[in-house]
Every structure is written in structure tokens, then in C-alpha cells.
Amino acid sequence: MSAERVRRARSGVRWPHASPARTVEINPPCCTVFRIV
């Protein structure tokens, strides 16, 4: 995984090309739930 991806994941929910599974892996639970919902 590239550093840019990690940076984008940590910066918040702005991840248009991210699949829910990936978001679950990288983001904290609160952000993950927000992303999926």
C-alpha cells in the first residue's frame, strides 16, 4: 500500500475509490461506520 493511500484514509471519509472492506481495514470504527452508511 502506498503512503498516499494511507494519508487519504487517515484524513477522513474522502475516499471515492475505496471499497468498504478497505475502509474497514484502514479507518477507525467510527469513520468506517460513517463511510458504509
N, C-alpha and C. Protein backbone atom coordinates (compact mmCIF):
# COMPACT_ATOMS: atom_id res chain seq x y z
N MET A 1 0.84 -1.21 0.00
CA MET A 1 0.00 0.00 0.00
C MET A 1 0.87 1.24 0.00
N SER A 2 0.48 2.21 -0.80
CA SER A 2 1.28 3.44 -0.91
C SER A 2 0.98 4.39 0.24
N ALA A 3 1.95 5.25 0.53
CA ALA A 3 1.79 6.22 1.62
C ALA A 3 0.64 7.17 1.32
N GLU A 4 0.45 7.46 0.05
CA GLU A 4 -0.62 8.39 -0.33
C GLU A 4 -1.99 7.82 0.04
N ARG A 5 -2.15 6.56 -0.18
CA ARG A 5 -3.42 5.91 0.17
C ARG A 5 -3.66 5.98 1.67
N VAL A 6 -2.60 5.69 2.43
CA VAL A 6 -2.72 5.72 3.88
C VAL A 6 -3.08 7.13 4.34
N ARG A 7 -2.43 8.11 3.72
CA ARG A 7 -2.67 9.50 4.09
C ARG A 7 -4.14 9.88 3.83
N ARG A 8 -4.63 9.47 2.66
CA ARG A 8 -6.02 9.78 2.31
C ARG A 8 -6.99 9.10 3.26
N ALA A 9 -6.66 7.87 3.62
CA ALA A 9 -7.53 7.12 4.52
C ALA A 9 -7.61 7.79 5.88
N ARG A 10 -6.47 8.27 6.35
CA ARG A 10 -6.43 8.87 7.68
C ARG A 10 -7.05 10.26 7.69
N SER A 11 -7.02 10.94 6.55
CA SER A 11 -7.52 12.32 6.52
C SER A 11 -9.04 12.35 6.63
N GLY A 12 -9.71 11.24 6.42
CA GLY A 12 -11.16 11.22 6.63
C GLY A 12 -11.92 10.31 5.70
N VAL A 13 -13.15 10.70 5.40
CA VAL A 13 -14.04 9.85 4.62
C VAL A 13 -13.93 10.15 3.13
N ARG A 14 -13.08 11.09 2.75
CA ARG A 14 -12.95 11.45 1.34
C ARG A 14 -12.13 10.38 0.60
N TRP A 15 -12.80 9.32 0.21
CA TRP A 15 -12.09 8.24 -0.48
C TRP A 15 -13.01 7.61 -1.52
N PRO A 16 -13.20 8.31 -2.65
CA PRO A 16 -14.19 7.90 -3.64
C PRO A 16 -13.94 6.51 -4.24
N HIS A 17 -12.68 6.10 -4.30
CA HIS A 17 -12.36 4.83 -4.95
C HIS A 17 -12.15 3.70 -3.94
N ALA A 18 -12.44 4.00 -2.67
CA ALA A 18 -12.20 2.99 -1.64
C ALA A 18 -13.40 2.06 -1.49
N SER A 19 -13.14 0.78 -1.42
CA SER A 19 -14.20 -0.16 -1.15
C SER A 19 -14.42 -0.24 0.36
N PRO A 20 -15.63 -0.60 0.80
CA PRO A 20 -15.93 -0.68 2.24
C PRO A 20 -14.94 -1.55 3.00
N ALA A 21 -14.52 -2.66 2.38
CA ALA A 21 -13.59 -3.57 3.04
C ALA A 21 -12.27 -2.87 3.35
N ARG A 22 -11.76 -2.15 2.37
CA ARG A 22 -10.51 -1.41 2.56
C ARG A 22 -10.67 -0.36 3.65
N THR A 23 -11.80 0.32 3.63
CA THR A 23 -12.06 1.37 4.61
C THR A 23 -12.09 0.77 6.02
N VAL A 24 -12.68 -0.40 6.13
CA VAL A 24 -12.73 -1.09 7.43
C VAL A 24 -11.33 -1.39 7.91
N GLU A 25 -10.46 -1.81 6.99
CA GLU A 25 -9.09 -2.15 7.35
C GLU A 25 -8.31 -0.96 7.88
N ILE A 26 -8.46 0.19 7.22
CA ILE A 26 -7.58 1.32 7.49
C ILE A 26 -8.17 2.30 8.50
N ASN A 27 -9.43 2.66 8.32
CA ASN A 27 -10.02 3.70 9.17
C ASN A 27 -10.51 3.15 10.51
N PRO A 28 -10.58 4.01 11.52
CA PRO A 28 -11.15 3.63 12.81
C PRO A 28 -12.64 3.31 12.67
N PRO A 29 -13.20 2.57 13.61
CA PRO A 29 -14.59 2.10 13.53
C PRO A 29 -15.59 3.22 13.27
N CYS A 30 -15.42 4.36 13.93
CA CYS A 30 -16.37 5.46 13.77
C CYS A 30 -16.41 5.94 12.33
N CYS A 31 -15.24 6.11 11.74
CA CYS A 31 -15.16 6.56 10.34
C CYS A 31 -15.68 5.48 9.41
N THR A 32 -15.40 4.23 9.77
CA THR A 32 -15.83 3.11 8.95
C THR A 32 -17.35 3.06 8.86
N VAL A 33 -18.00 3.17 9.99
CA VAL A 33 -19.46 3.14 10.03
C VAL A 33 -20.01 4.30 9.21
N PHE A 34 -19.41 5.47 9.38
CA PHE A 34 -19.85 6.66 8.65
C PHE A 34 -19.71 6.44 7.15
N ARG A 35 -18.61 5.80 6.75
CA ARG A 35 -18.33 5.55 5.34
C ARG A 35 -19.36 4.59 4.76
N ILE A 36 -19.62 3.51 5.46
CA ILE A 36 -20.53 2.49 4.95
C ILE A 36 -21.96 3.05 4.89
N VAL A 37 -22.34 3.78 5.92
CA VAL A 37 -23.68 4.36 5.96
C VAL A 37 -23.74 5.52 4.97
